[in-house]
């Protein structure tokens, strides 16, 4: 008995299934890579924010005592620092959409599409 060769449609179906499985695997790998990159950046950002917080905390305490020695009152010295932070908070609230939200959005988009730009450049060079 002879083995039957697969028909054109059966062979095309097998190729299509293989292609779809490969594309799905590629999509999973790309998603995992980008998620890992975002998680790494997030972790780094949290560590930097925590360290910056402590530096700012101790500089604020130092500034409070400095202004206290200039004014002769702890309340006024630390009040000056509190007013500075209050003004800073108001500025951040006013400019959050222009500066912060736009920057965060652009950074995330850049992370997700940076690899595709590199791949497109490599493909056009070949």
Protein backbone atom coordinates (compact mmCIF):
# COMPACT_ATOMS: atom_id res chain seq x y z
CA UNK A 1 0.00 0.00 0.00
CA UNK A 2 1.19 3.41 -0.86
CA UNK A 3 1.12 6.25 1.57
CA UNK A 4 -1.10 9.04 0.44
CA UNK A 5 0.54 12.36 0.03
CA UNK A 6 -1.23 15.09 1.94
CA UNK A 7 -3.45 17.19 -0.21
CA UNK A 8 -2.68 20.81 -0.92
CA UNK A 9 -5.27 22.00 1.57
CA UNK A 10 -4.07 19.66 4.32
CA UNK A 11 -0.47 20.78 3.78
CA UNK A 12 -1.53 24.45 3.74
CA UNK A 13 -3.49 23.91 6.95
CA UNK A 14 -0.42 22.42 8.66
CA UNK A 15 1.75 25.32 7.51
CA UNK A 16 -0.85 27.81 8.68
CA UNK A 17 -1.11 26.14 12.11
CA UNK A 18 2.67 26.15 12.44
CA UNK A 19 2.81 29.80 11.44
CA UNK A 20 0.10 30.79 13.93
CA UNK A 21 1.85 28.88 16.73
CA UNK A 22 5.14 30.59 15.91
CA UNK A 23 3.47 34.03 15.82
CA UNK A 24 1.79 33.36 19.16
CA UNK A 25 5.10 32.30 20.69
CA UNK A 26 6.77 35.43 19.29
CA UNK A 27 4.02 37.60 20.73
CA UNK A 28 4.40 35.95 24.14
CA UNK A 29 8.18 36.43 24.09
CA UNK A 30 7.90 40.07 23.07
CA UNK A 31 5.31 40.72 25.77
CA UNK A 32 7.48 39.02 28.39
CA UNK A 33 10.52 41.04 27.31
CA UNK A 34 8.70 44.35 27.44
CA UNK A 35 7.01 43.53 30.74
CA UNK A 36 10.36 42.59 32.27
CA UNK A 37 11.86 45.82 31.00
CA UNK A 38 9.03 47.90 32.46
CA UNK A 39 9.27 46.01 35.76
CA UNK A 40 13.03 46.63 35.88
CA UNK A 41 12.56 50.32 35.21
CA UNK A 42 9.80 50.48 37.80
CA UNK A 43 11.99 48.80 40.42
CA UNK A 44 14.88 51.14 39.63
CA UNK A 45 12.54 54.12 39.83
CA UNK A 46 11.22 53.02 43.22
CA UNK A 47 14.74 52.56 44.61
CA UNK A 48 15.84 55.95 43.29
CA UNK A 49 12.69 57.59 44.67
CA UNK A 50 13.27 56.03 48.08
CA UNK A 51 16.90 57.14 48.20
CA UNK A 52 15.96 60.60 46.96
CA UNK A 53 13.29 60.80 49.64
CA UNK A 54 15.81 60.16 52.41
CA UNK A 55 18.29 62.66 50.97
CA UNK A 56 15.53 65.24 50.72
CA UNK A 57 14.31 64.44 54.24
CA UNK A 58 17.71 65.00 55.82
CA UNK A 59 18.37 68.10 53.72
CA UNK A 60 15.01 69.46 54.84
CA UNK A 61 15.83 68.83 58.49
CA UNK A 62 19.18 70.50 57.99
CA UNK A 63 17.52 73.46 56.24
CA UNK A 64 14.95 73.73 59.01
CA UNK A 65 17.65 74.00 61.64
CA UNK A 66 19.60 76.44 59.46
CA UNK A 67 16.62 78.77 59.11
CA UNK A 68 15.86 78.27 62.80
CA UNK A 69 19.33 79.52 63.69
CA UNK A 70 18.86 82.54 61.39
CA UNK A 71 15.43 83.45 62.75
CA UNK A 72 15.94 82.31 66.34
CA UNK A 73 12.78 80.15 66.30
CA UNK A 74 12.39 76.48 65.42
CA UNK A 75 8.77 77.08 64.38
CA UNK A 76 9.69 79.76 61.86
CA UNK A 77 12.70 77.82 60.55
CA UNK A 78 10.74 74.66 59.85
CA UNK A 79 7.75 76.76 58.73
CA UNK A 80 9.90 78.22 55.94
CA UNK A 81 10.72 74.70 54.76
CA UNK A 82 7.02 73.73 54.98
CA UNK A 83 5.99 76.74 52.88
CA UNK A 84 8.63 75.81 50.30
CA UNK A 85 7.18 72.28 50.03
CA UNK A 86 3.66 73.66 49.89
CA UNK A 87 4.61 75.88 46.94
CA UNK A 88 6.32 72.93 45.29
CA UNK A 89 3.16 70.83 45.75
CA UNK A 90 0.99 73.54 44.18
CA UNK A 91 3.34 73.76 41.17
CA UNK A 92 3.28 69.99 40.70
CA UNK A 93 -0.52 69.95 40.85
CA UNK A 94 -0.78 72.78 38.33
CA UNK A 95 1.74 71.35 35.84
CA UNK A 96 1.11 67.62 36.33
CA UNK A 97 -0.58 67.10 32.97
CA UNK A 98 1.95 69.11 31.01
CA UNK A 99 5.10 67.74 32.60
CA UNK A 100 4.55 64.54 34.53
CA UNK A 101 1.74 62.68 32.74
CA UNK A 102 3.12 63.48 29.29
CA UNK A 103 6.61 62.38 30.29
CA UNK A 104 5.40 59.10 31.84
CA UNK A 105 3.22 58.33 28.82
CA UNK A 106 6.00 59.06 26.35
CA UNK A 107 8.46 56.94 28.32
CA UNK A 108 6.15 53.93 28.36
CA UNK A 109 5.38 54.24 24.65
CA UNK A 110 9.10 54.59 23.92
CA UNK A 111 9.87 51.41 25.88
CA UNK A 112 7.23 49.39 24.04
CA UNK A 113 8.09 50.59 20.54
CA UNK A 114 11.89 51.03 20.80
CA UNK A 115 12.64 47.43 19.82
CA UNK A 116 10.35 47.62 16.78
CA UNK A 117 12.20 50.68 15.47
CA UNK A 118 15.50 48.81 15.78
CA UNK A 119 14.06 45.80 13.96
CA UNK A 120 12.70 48.02 11.17
CA UNK A 121 16.10 49.66 10.74
CA UNK A 122 17.83 46.28 10.56
CA UNK A 123 15.30 45.00 8.03
CA UNK A 124 15.70 48.08 5.82
CA UNK A 125 19.51 47.80 5.90
CA UNK A 126 19.40 44.19 4.67
